[in-house]
Protein backbone atom coordinates (compact mmCIF):
# COMPACT_ATOMS: atom_id res chain seq x y z
CA MET A 1 120.93 48.28 -5.17
CA ASP A 2 117.65 49.90 -4.39
CA GLU A 3 115.62 47.77 -1.53
CA THR A 4 112.10 46.21 -2.54
CA ARG A 5 109.58 48.03 -0.90
CA VAL A 6 106.32 46.33 -0.07
CA PRO A 7 103.13 48.11 0.43
CA SER A 8 102.10 48.98 3.94
CA ASN A 9 98.60 47.34 3.71
CA ARG A 10 100.32 43.90 2.84
CA ARG A 11 102.43 44.13 5.76
CA LEU A 12 99.49 44.68 7.98
CA HIS A 13 97.72 41.79 6.39
CA SER A 14 100.75 39.33 7.14
CA SER A 15 100.67 40.39 10.73
CA ASN A 16 97.52 39.52 11.11
CA VAL A 17 97.72 36.30 10.00
CA GLU A 18 100.29 35.42 12.04
CA ASP A 19 98.45 36.38 15.15
CA ILE A 20 95.41 34.46 14.15
CA MET A 21 97.63 31.41 14.10
CA ALA A 22 99.44 31.74 16.87
CA GLY A 23 95.83 32.41 19.15
CA LYS A 24 94.31 28.84 17.63
CA THR A 25 97.54 27.27 18.71
CA LEU A 26 97.35 28.48 22.23
CA ARG A 27 93.63 27.47 22.27
CA THR A 28 94.40 23.84 20.81
CA VAL A 29 97.49 23.38 23.66
CA ASP A 30 95.06 24.48 26.16
CA SER A 31 92.26 22.29 25.14
CA ILE A 32 94.51 19.14 25.05
CA LEU A 33 95.84 20.02 28.77
CA ARG A 34 92.50 20.06 29.92
CA THR A 35 91.63 16.72 28.60
CA LEU A 36 94.75 15.13 30.07
CA ASN A 37 93.83 16.58 33.37
CA GLU A 38 90.31 15.18 33.20
CA ARG A 39 91.46 11.80 32.21
CA TYR A 40 94.17 11.81 35.03
CA CYS A 41 91.80 12.79 37.62
CA SER A 42 89.27 9.70 36.43
CA PHE A 43 92.08 7.32 36.66
CA VAL A 44 93.29 8.84 40.06
CA LEU A 45 89.79 8.33 41.20
CA CYS A 46 88.97 4.93 39.66
CA TYR A 47 92.62 3.74 41.17
CA ARG A 48 91.30 4.82 44.62
CA ASP A 49 87.97 3.17 44.44
CA LEU A 50 89.63 -0.29 42.99
CA SER A 51 91.87 -0.16 45.96
CA ARG A 52 89.03 -0.27 48.26
CA ILE A 53 87.82 -3.85 46.64
CA ARG A 54 88.73 -6.80 48.65
CA SER A 55 89.57 -10.28 46.88
CA ASN A 56 86.94 -11.98 48.60
CA THR A 57 84.45 -9.81 47.68
CA VAL A 58 85.07 -10.45 43.96
CA TYR A 59 84.93 -14.20 44.56
CA ILE A 60 81.44 -14.09 46.13
CA SER A 61 79.85 -11.64 43.89
CA LEU A 62 81.24 -13.82 40.49
CA PRO A 63 79.21 -16.94 41.11
CA LYS A 64 76.06 -14.61 41.60
CA ARG A 65 76.91 -12.78 38.17
CA LEU A 66 77.47 -16.43 36.78
CA ASP A 67 74.05 -17.57 37.96
CA SER A 68 72.16 -14.46 36.64
CA MET A 69 73.72 -14.76 33.10
CA LYS A 70 72.82 -18.25 33.31
CA LEU A 71 69.11 -17.33 33.93
CA ARG A 72 69.06 -14.83 31.26
CA MET A 73 70.44 -17.48 28.76
CA ASP A 74 67.97 -19.81 29.91
CA GLY A 75 65.30 -17.17 29.35
CA GLU A 76 67.02 -16.25 25.86
CA GLU A 77 67.31 -20.12 24.90
CA GLY A 78 63.45 -20.58 25.69
CA ASP A 79 62.69 -17.38 23.63
CA LEU A 80 64.70 -18.75 20.62
CA GLN A 81 63.07 -22.04 21.29
CA ARG A 82 59.42 -20.57 21.29
CA MET A 83 60.48 -18.63 18.40
CA ARG A 84 61.42 -21.50 16.53
CA SER A 85 58.37 -23.69 17.08
CA GLU A 86 56.15 -20.51 16.08
CA MET A 87 58.22 -20.17 12.93
CA GLU A 88 57.42 -24.10 12.21
CA LEU A 89 54.03 -23.58 12.69
CA LEU A 90 54.08 -20.67 10.51
CA LEU A 91 55.70 -22.47 7.66
CA THR A 92 53.44 -25.52 8.04
CA GLU A 93 50.51 -22.84 7.92
CA PHE A 94 51.87 -21.19 5.22
CA SER A 95 52.48 -24.68 3.56
CA GLU A 96 49.06 -25.37 4.01
CA THR A 97 47.65 -22.39 2.81
CA VAL A 98 49.54 -22.39 -0.40
CA GLU A 99 48.31 -26.24 -0.97
CA GLY A 100 44.65 -25.14 -0.08
CA LYS A 101 44.50 -22.29 -2.15
CA GLY A 102 42.48 -23.97 -4.67
CA ALA A 103 39.82 -25.28 -2.18
CA LEU A 104 39.56 -21.87 -0.64
CA SER A 105 39.09 -20.31 -4.14
CA LYS A 106 36.65 -22.68 -4.72
CA LYS A 107 34.44 -22.09 -1.46
CA LEU A 108 35.11 -18.20 -2.61
CA THR A 109 33.46 -19.02 -5.80
CA LEU A 110 30.49 -20.84 -4.12
CA TYR A 111 30.00 -18.22 -1.54
CA GLN A 112 30.15 -15.53 -3.79
CA GLY A 113 27.25 -17.17 -6.00
CA ILE A 114 25.18 -18.13 -2.86
CA HIS A 115 25.46 -14.51 -1.82
CA SER A 116 23.99 -13.63 -5.19
CA TYR A 117 21.51 -15.84 -5.38
CA VAL A 118 20.17 -15.58 -1.97
CA HIS A 119 19.91 -11.45 -2.38
CA ASP A 120 18.17 -12.21 -6.02
CA LEU A 121 15.77 -14.84 -4.05
CA ILE A 122 14.61 -12.14 -1.24
CA ASP A 123 14.26 -9.30 -3.82
CA CYS A 124 11.87 -11.99 -6.25
CA LEU A 125 9.95 -12.93 -3.21
CA GLN A 126 9.33 -9.51 -1.81
CA VAL A 127 7.64 -8.48 -4.79
CA LYS A 128 5.88 -11.74 -5.37
CA VAL A 129 4.59 -12.59 -1.86
CA PRO A 130 1.59 -9.68 -1.71
CA VAL A 131 0.47 -11.10 -5.28
CA ILE A 132 0.45 -14.53 -3.72
CA VAL A 133 -1.22 -13.38 -0.80
CA GLU A 134 -3.79 -11.53 -2.78
CA HIS A 135 -4.60 -14.59 -4.83
CA GLU A 136 -5.07 -16.94 -1.36
CA ASN A 137 -7.63 -14.21 -0.09
CA ARG A 138 -9.48 -14.38 -3.59
CA LEU A 139 -9.67 -18.16 -3.38
CA LEU A 140 -10.75 -18.47 -0.08
CA GLY A 141 -13.23 -15.83 -0.50
CA LEU A 142 -14.99 -17.57 -3.16
CA LEU A 143 -15.02 -20.93 -1.31
CA GLN A 144 -16.19 -19.33 1.99
CA ALA A 145 -19.20 -17.59 -0.32
CA HIS A 146 -20.17 -20.80 -2.16
CA ALA A 147 -20.06 -23.00 0.89
CA GLU A 148 -22.41 -20.48 2.75
CA TYR A 149 -24.63 -20.72 0.02
CA LEU A 150 -25.00 -24.30 0.49
CA MET A 151 -25.22 -24.27 3.92
CA LYS A 152 -27.97 -21.59 3.87
CA ARG A 153 -29.65 -23.48 1.23
CA ARG A 154 -29.99 -26.49 3.32
CA ARG A 155 -31.03 -24.90 6.56
CA GLN A 156 -33.79 -23.01 4.42
CA ASP A 157 -34.90 -26.32 3.13
CA ARG A 158 -35.40 -27.66 6.62
CA ASP A 159 -37.30 -24.54 7.71
CA ASP A 160 -39.57 -24.81 4.40
CA GLU A 161 -40.35 -28.68 5.40
CA TYR A 162 -41.04 -28.09 8.74
CA GLU A 163 -43.33 -25.14 8.13
CA GLU A 164 -45.01 -26.99 5.21
CA ILE A 165 -45.79 -29.88 7.99
CA SER A 166 -46.70 -27.44 10.70
CA ILE A 167 -49.14 -25.73 8.00
CA GLY A 168 -50.67 -29.20 7.27
CA LEU A 169 -51.36 -30.16 11.27
CA ARG A 170 -52.87 -26.71 12.43
CA GLY A 171 -53.97 -25.37 8.98
CA PRO A 172 -53.08 -22.28 7.18
CA THR A 173 -52.96 -19.16 9.40
CA PRO A 174 -55.16 -16.09 8.23
CA HIS A 175 -53.71 -13.09 6.88
CA PRO A 176 -54.80 -9.54 6.28
CA GLN A 177 -55.86 -8.88 2.91
CA GLU A 178 -53.08 -6.43 1.92
CA SER A 179 -50.13 -9.11 2.66
CA ILE A 180 -51.69 -11.83 0.15
CA ARG A 181 -49.83 -10.58 -2.63
CA GLY A 182 -46.25 -10.98 -0.57
CA GLU A 183 -47.41 -14.51 0.38
CA GLU A 184 -48.23 -15.19 -3.32
CA LYS A 185 -44.78 -14.43 -3.84
CA GLU A 186 -43.31 -15.87 -1.05
CA ARG A 187 -45.07 -19.30 -1.87
CA GLU A 188 -43.85 -19.46 -5.31
CA GLU A 189 -40.45 -19.25 -4.12
CA LYS A 190 -40.94 -22.17 -1.45
CA ASP A 191 -42.41 -24.08 -4.45
CA LYS A 192 -39.13 -23.41 -6.54
CA ARG A 193 -37.10 -24.69 -3.65
CA ALA A 194 -39.35 -27.73 -2.90
CA ALA A 195 -38.99 -28.78 -6.76
CA GLU A 196 -35.13 -28.47 -6.63
CA ARG A 197 -35.16 -30.13 -3.29
CA LYS A 198 -37.08 -32.85 -4.57
CA GLY A 199 -35.05 -33.24 -7.69
CA ARG A 200 -31.76 -33.41 -5.87
CA ARG A 201 -33.13 -36.11 -3.73
CA THR A 202 -34.59 -37.77 -6.64
CA ARG A 203 -30.89 -37.74 -8.55
CA ARG A 204 -29.33 -38.98 -5.37
CA LYS A 205 -31.71 -41.76 -4.73
CA LYS A 206 -31.20 -42.70 -8.46
CA GLU A 207 -27.30 -42.86 -8.02
CA ARG A 208 -27.38 -44.99 -4.91
CA GLU A 209 -29.43 -47.45 -6.70
CA ASP A 210 -27.20 -47.59 -9.79
CA SER A 211 -24.12 -48.36 -7.07
CA ASN A 212 -26.00 -50.86 -5.21
CA GLU A 213 -25.83 -48.77 -2.16
CA LYS A 214 -27.85 -50.25 0.95
CA ASN A 215 -28.73 -49.44 4.33
CA HIS A 216 -28.45 -45.64 3.48
CA LYS A 217 -30.00 -42.74 5.75
CA GLU A 218 -31.54 -39.94 4.21
CA GLY A 219 -29.87 -37.50 6.75
CA LEU A 220 -26.28 -38.63 5.99
CA SER A 221 -26.74 -37.33 2.37
CA THR A 222 -24.24 -34.32 1.64
CA ASP A 223 -26.88 -32.10 -0.32
CA ASP A 224 -24.47 -30.11 -2.20
CA GLU A 225 -25.82 -30.71 -5.83
CA GLU A 226 -26.25 -27.64 -8.04
CA LEU A 227 -27.59 -26.42 -11.11
CA GLU A 228 -25.20 -27.00 -14.14
CA LEU A 229 -25.10 -22.99 -15.01
CA ASP A 230 -24.26 -22.75 -11.02
CA ILE A 231 -21.32 -25.09 -11.38
CA GLN A 232 -20.01 -23.75 -14.45
CA ARG A 233 -19.79 -20.42 -12.95
CA PHE A 234 -17.99 -21.37 -9.78
CA ARG A 235 -15.38 -23.41 -11.85
CA THR A 236 -15.11 -20.42 -14.22
CA GLN A 237 -14.14 -18.01 -11.28
CA LYS A 238 -12.11 -20.67 -9.35
CA ASP A 239 -10.08 -21.49 -12.54
CA GLY A 240 -9.56 -17.52 -13.07
CA ILE A 241 -8.06 -17.46 -9.82
CA LEU A 242 -5.82 -20.39 -10.50
CA GLU A 243 -4.87 -19.41 -13.81
CA GLY A 244 -3.54 -16.10 -12.11
CA ALA A 245 -1.75 -18.02 -9.69
CA ILE A 246 0.22 -19.96 -12.27
CA GLN A 247 1.15 -16.80 -13.99
CA VAL A 248 2.86 -15.30 -10.97
CA PHE A 249 6.28 -16.55 -11.56
CA GLU A 250 6.27 -16.19 -15.33
CA ASP A 251 8.91 -13.26 -15.38
CA VAL A 252 11.43 -15.32 -13.00
CA GLU A 253 13.82 -17.90 -13.86
CA GLU A 254 13.06 -21.20 -12.97
CA GLU A 255 15.70 -21.50 -10.28
CA PHE A 256 13.86 -18.85 -8.24
CA PHE A 257 10.20 -20.55 -8.08
CA GLU A 258 11.03 -24.34 -8.94
CA VAL A 259 11.21 -26.11 -5.62
CA GLU A 260 13.53 -28.65 -6.96
CA GLN A 261 16.22 -26.20 -8.60
CA LEU A 262 15.91 -23.91 -5.32
CA LEU A 263 16.59 -26.81 -3.18
CA GLY A 264 19.83 -27.73 -5.35
CA LYS A 265 21.33 -24.38 -4.46
CA PHE A 266 21.37 -25.35 -0.88
CA LEU A 267 22.24 -28.75 -1.53
CA LEU A 268 25.28 -27.75 -3.27
CA TRP A 269 26.47 -25.63 -0.13
CA LYS A 270 25.76 -29.05 1.95
CA SER A 271 27.80 -30.98 0.08
CA GLU A 272 30.83 -28.56 -0.36
CA ASP A 273 30.95 -27.11 3.09
CA PHE A 274 28.42 -29.25 5.77
CA GLU A 275 29.78 -27.78 8.81
CA ALA A 276 29.29 -24.04 7.65
CA TYR A 277 26.00 -25.28 6.12
CA ARG A 278 24.66 -26.26 9.61
CA GLU A 279 26.50 -23.65 11.51
CA SER A 280 24.64 -21.02 9.51
CA PHE A 281 21.35 -22.56 10.29
CA VAL A 282 20.27 -22.93 6.95
CA PRO A 283 17.96 -25.85 8.02
CA LEU A 284 15.93 -23.73 9.85
CA CYS A 285 15.67 -21.01 7.26
CA ILE A 286 14.68 -23.28 4.18
CA PRO A 287 11.08 -23.81 5.25
CA LYS A 288 10.58 -19.70 5.87
CA VAL A 289 12.32 -19.44 2.05
CA LEU A 290 9.82 -22.09 0.66
CA SER A 291 6.94 -20.88 2.17
CA PRO A 292 5.74 -18.49 -0.59
CA ILE A 293 6.46 -21.05 -3.19
CA VAL A 294 4.59 -23.99 -1.38
CA ARG A 295 1.71 -21.75 -0.72
CA LEU A 296 1.29 -20.93 -4.17
CA HIS A 297 0.94 -24.72 -5.11
CA LEU A 298 -1.16 -25.20 -2.19
CA LEU A 299 -3.58 -22.98 -4.39
CA HIS A 300 -4.53 -25.98 -6.12
CA TRP A 301 -5.06 -28.22 -3.42
CA ASP A 302 -8.54 -28.57 -1.58
CA PRO A 303 -8.43 -31.75 1.03
CA LEU A 304 -11.96 -31.01 1.48
CA GLN A 305 -13.31 -31.42 -1.95
CA ASP A 306 -10.70 -33.25 -4.20
CA ASP A 307 -9.32 -36.74 -3.95
CA SER A 308 -5.83 -35.72 -4.79
CA ASP A 309 -2.82 -36.54 -2.62
CA ILE A 310 -0.60 -33.51 -1.84
CA PHE A 311 2.38 -35.99 -0.81
CA ARG A 312 2.39 -37.58 -4.31
CA THR A 313 3.27 -34.01 -6.27
CA ASN A 314 6.66 -33.38 -7.49
CA TRP A 315 7.37 -30.56 -5.40
CA MET A 316 6.53 -32.82 -2.27
CA ARG A 317 8.74 -35.41 -3.74
CA SER A 318 11.63 -32.88 -3.88
CA LEU A 319 11.12 -32.11 -0.54
CA ILE A 320 11.41 -35.83 0.70
CA ARG A 321 14.21 -36.53 -1.47
CA PHE A 322 16.36 -33.64 -0.44
CA GLY A 323 19.81 -34.40 0.57
CA PHE A 324 19.49 -38.28 0.31
CA VAL A 325 22.30 -40.30 -0.73
CA PRO A 326 22.32 -44.18 -1.58
CA SER A 327 25.23 -44.88 0.81
CA GLU A 328 22.99 -43.10 3.89
CA THR A 329 23.10 -45.12 7.03
CA ARG A 330 20.52 -44.75 10.06
CA GLU A 331 23.61 -43.21 12.04
CA SER A 332 24.11 -40.45 8.95
CA LEU A 333 20.31 -40.04 8.98
CA SER A 334 19.77 -39.31 12.45
CA SER A 335 22.77 -36.80 12.14
CA ASP A 336 21.37 -35.08 9.20
CA PRO A 337 20.22 -31.07 9.94
CA ASP A 338 17.39 -31.53 7.22
CA LEU A 339 16.02 -34.74 8.76
CA ASN A 340 12.55 -32.39 9.92
CA LEU A 341 12.27 -30.85 6.63
CA VAL A 342 9.39 -32.05 5.72
CA PRO A 343 7.55 -32.23 9.10
CA SER A 344 8.63 -28.34 9.32
CA VAL A 345 6.61 -27.60 6.00
CA ASN A 346 3.80 -29.56 6.84
CA GLU A 347 3.68 -27.69 10.25
CA LYS A 348 4.58 -24.45 9.53
CA ILE A 349 2.94 -24.20 5.66
CA ILE A 350 0.40 -26.88 5.13
CA ILE A 351 -1.41 -27.25 8.40
CA PRO A 352 -2.08 -23.41 8.60
CA TRP A 353 -3.38 -23.50 5.04
CA ILE A 354 -5.89 -26.69 6.08
CA GLU A 355 -7.22 -24.30 8.93
CA ARG A 356 -7.49 -21.82 6.58
CA LEU A 357 -9.80 -23.93 4.50
CA VAL A 358 -11.54 -25.34 7.48
CA ASN A 359 -12.66 -21.82 8.55
CA ALA A 360 -13.56 -20.83 4.74
CA GLU A 361 -15.62 -23.84 3.59
CA TYR A 362 -15.61 -26.68 6.10
CA ASP A 363 -19.40 -27.99 6.59
CA PRO A 364 -19.76 -30.47 9.86
CA VAL A 365 -22.89 -31.99 8.15
CA SER A 366 -21.17 -32.78 5.08
CA THR A 367 -20.37 -36.47 5.76
CA LYS A 368 -17.81 -36.50 2.54
CA GLN A 369 -15.75 -33.37 3.97
CA THR A 370 -15.52 -35.09 7.56
CA LYS A 371 -14.28 -38.12 6.41
CA LYS A 372 -11.65 -36.41 4.29
CA LEU A 373 -10.52 -34.17 6.75
CA VAL A 374 -10.34 -36.88 9.53
CA HIS A 375 -8.08 -39.03 6.76
CA LEU A 376 -5.94 -36.02 6.16
CA LEU A 377 -5.40 -35.44 10.01
CA ARG A 378 -4.47 -39.28 10.58
CA LYS A 379 -1.77 -39.17 8.13
CA LEU A 380 -0.25 -36.19 9.00
CA LEU A 381 -0.07 -37.30 12.55
CA SER A 382 0.96 -40.90 11.52
CA ASP A 383 2.96 -40.87 8.37
CA TYR A 384 4.51 -37.46 8.29
CA THR A 385 5.70 -37.12 11.85
CA VAL A 386 3.94 -33.61 12.46
CA MET A 387 3.75 -33.76 16.92
CA ASN A 388 0.39 -33.68 18.36
CA SER A 389 1.69 -31.09 20.82
CA SER A 390 2.20 -28.95 17.98
CA ARG A 391 0.74 -25.32 18.10
CA GLN A 392 -0.49 -25.02 14.56
CA ILE A 393 -2.26 -28.52 15.02
CA HIS A 394 -4.05 -27.09 18.15
CA SER A 395 -5.01 -24.06 16.13
CA LEU A 396 -6.61 -26.37 13.60
CA LEU A 397 -8.34 -28.40 16.16
CA LYS A 398 -9.77 -25.21 17.77
CA ALA A 399 -11.13 -24.30 14.46
CA ILE A 400 -12.70 -27.56 13.93
CA LEU A 401 -14.09 -27.32 17.18
CA LYS A 402 -15.48 -23.99 16.49
CA LYS A 403 -16.87 -25.09 13.27
CA LEU A 404 -18.73 -27.84 15.14
CA GLU A 405 -20.11 -25.48 17.61
CA SER A 406 -21.46 -23.25 14.89
CA GLY A 407 -23.05 -26.53 13.21
CA THR A 408 -24.71 -27.48 16.79
CA ASP A 409 -26.36 -23.98 17.01
CA ARG A 410 -27.68 -23.94 13.46
CA ASP A 411 -27.93 -27.35 12.47
CA VAL A 412 -29.32 -29.15 14.99
CA PHE A 413 -33.19 -28.70 14.97
CA ILE A 414 -35.58 -29.83 17.41
CA PRO A 415 -39.06 -29.82 15.84
CA MET A 416 -42.02 -28.71 17.93
CA PHE A 417 -45.36 -30.57 17.30
CA ASP A 418 -48.54 -31.26 18.87
CA ARG A 419 -49.05 -34.64 20.70
CA GLY A 420 -51.61 -36.33 18.49
CA TYR A 421 -49.84 -35.31 15.03
CA ASP A 422 -50.03 -37.46 12.40
CA HIS A 423 -46.51 -39.42 11.76
CA ASN A 424 -47.33 -39.80 8.19
CA HIS A 425 -47.09 -36.15 7.60
CA ALA A 426 -43.25 -35.94 8.80
CA SER A 427 -42.26 -39.31 7.89
CA TYR A 428 -39.20 -38.16 5.87
CA PHE A 429 -38.97 -34.96 7.86
CA LEU A 430 -38.06 -36.54 11.30
CA PRO A 431 -35.32 -39.03 10.13
CA SER A 432 -33.82 -36.52 8.26
CA ASP A 433 -33.33 -34.10 10.87
CA PHE A 434 -32.52 -36.86 13.60
CA ASP A 435 -29.49 -38.06 11.02
CA VAL A 436 -28.29 -34.59 10.22
CA SER A 437 -28.24 -34.14 14.22
CA LEU A 438 -26.54 -37.20 14.71
CA THR A 439 -23.74 -36.27 12.07
CA VAL A 440 -22.97 -32.98 14.00
CA PHE A 441 -22.44 -34.70 16.95
């Protein structure tokens, strides 16, 4: 039977596989022996180290080890307790936050509305303030021109009367022929002024007789009568300015210029979140926000000429009633941050306007204006708690004093006559001039 022959290449391949397997086995055995050797050496070394430890050393070190472990455990227990407390606080805060979600949402809506309103209000006032200032300047300029006209006329009448008396005492002064024509024109103007002056005095005398006024002194009369045409022209110009002032906010919603509605926005904030309202210094800002609107209202108020009481106007009543509640007590009122709202408006807005009116049109010789001004100042200081030490009050008093000094320089007149002059020639002029000087002083 023939032997089965295996190809030479297949025999070679089987031999290679056997060699490879044998090599792997040797390496594995070497690795195991090496590992056993290392562990044996470690055990021997550990045994040698343990053989050196004494029982008393172990006994002494165990309590220290136990104390250390207790300290560490106490610290961990403290940390655990603190974490539990913090967790309780966080849970409480979380529950409060969940419960107060509605209130916070309401506050968010409130502040978003206030922010939007204040932003729009500032934009509106930035546009309107220059227009308001323009109307103020126009009105004050008109009042000043009118007052200067009346004062100039009074002083001219005084000079004319003095000149007439002087000419009557010493006789006419001769002039060159070429100046006669100019003198005639000047004389015509003087005669016209004398006739107007006499007519005004006659009308005033008749009014006093009709009112049964006694013990009147002519120098104390307020010589501010005008012709009907001049009065109508002045009123037309003034009404035109005031009409323009009324139309300043005609293109604006009422909530941006009506004092009551504007204050209502801040009152809502005050009622919803009082602490934030106070800590945000809103009471200090309200007079500044109201200033342009109040100044616009003040254009219609002239305390030196009118008898109207500004403290009875609707916008002033809104300021007085701001924040008032029927259940308010003396203690709650004393802690109200808006307690000084009206005095602050008076001090920062109204008194400066009075000062500007004094500079523009106050005539110290006018008894009517002086009485009205004195009454107004007394009312501000007594009824509306404006402090005497206020910087604005001092500025107003300085303006009045400056007007009095001007009146003393220009209206106090001391006539100079010869020793033997006839008193009958100056029977009206001298008492009147003396009374005018007495009025100024």
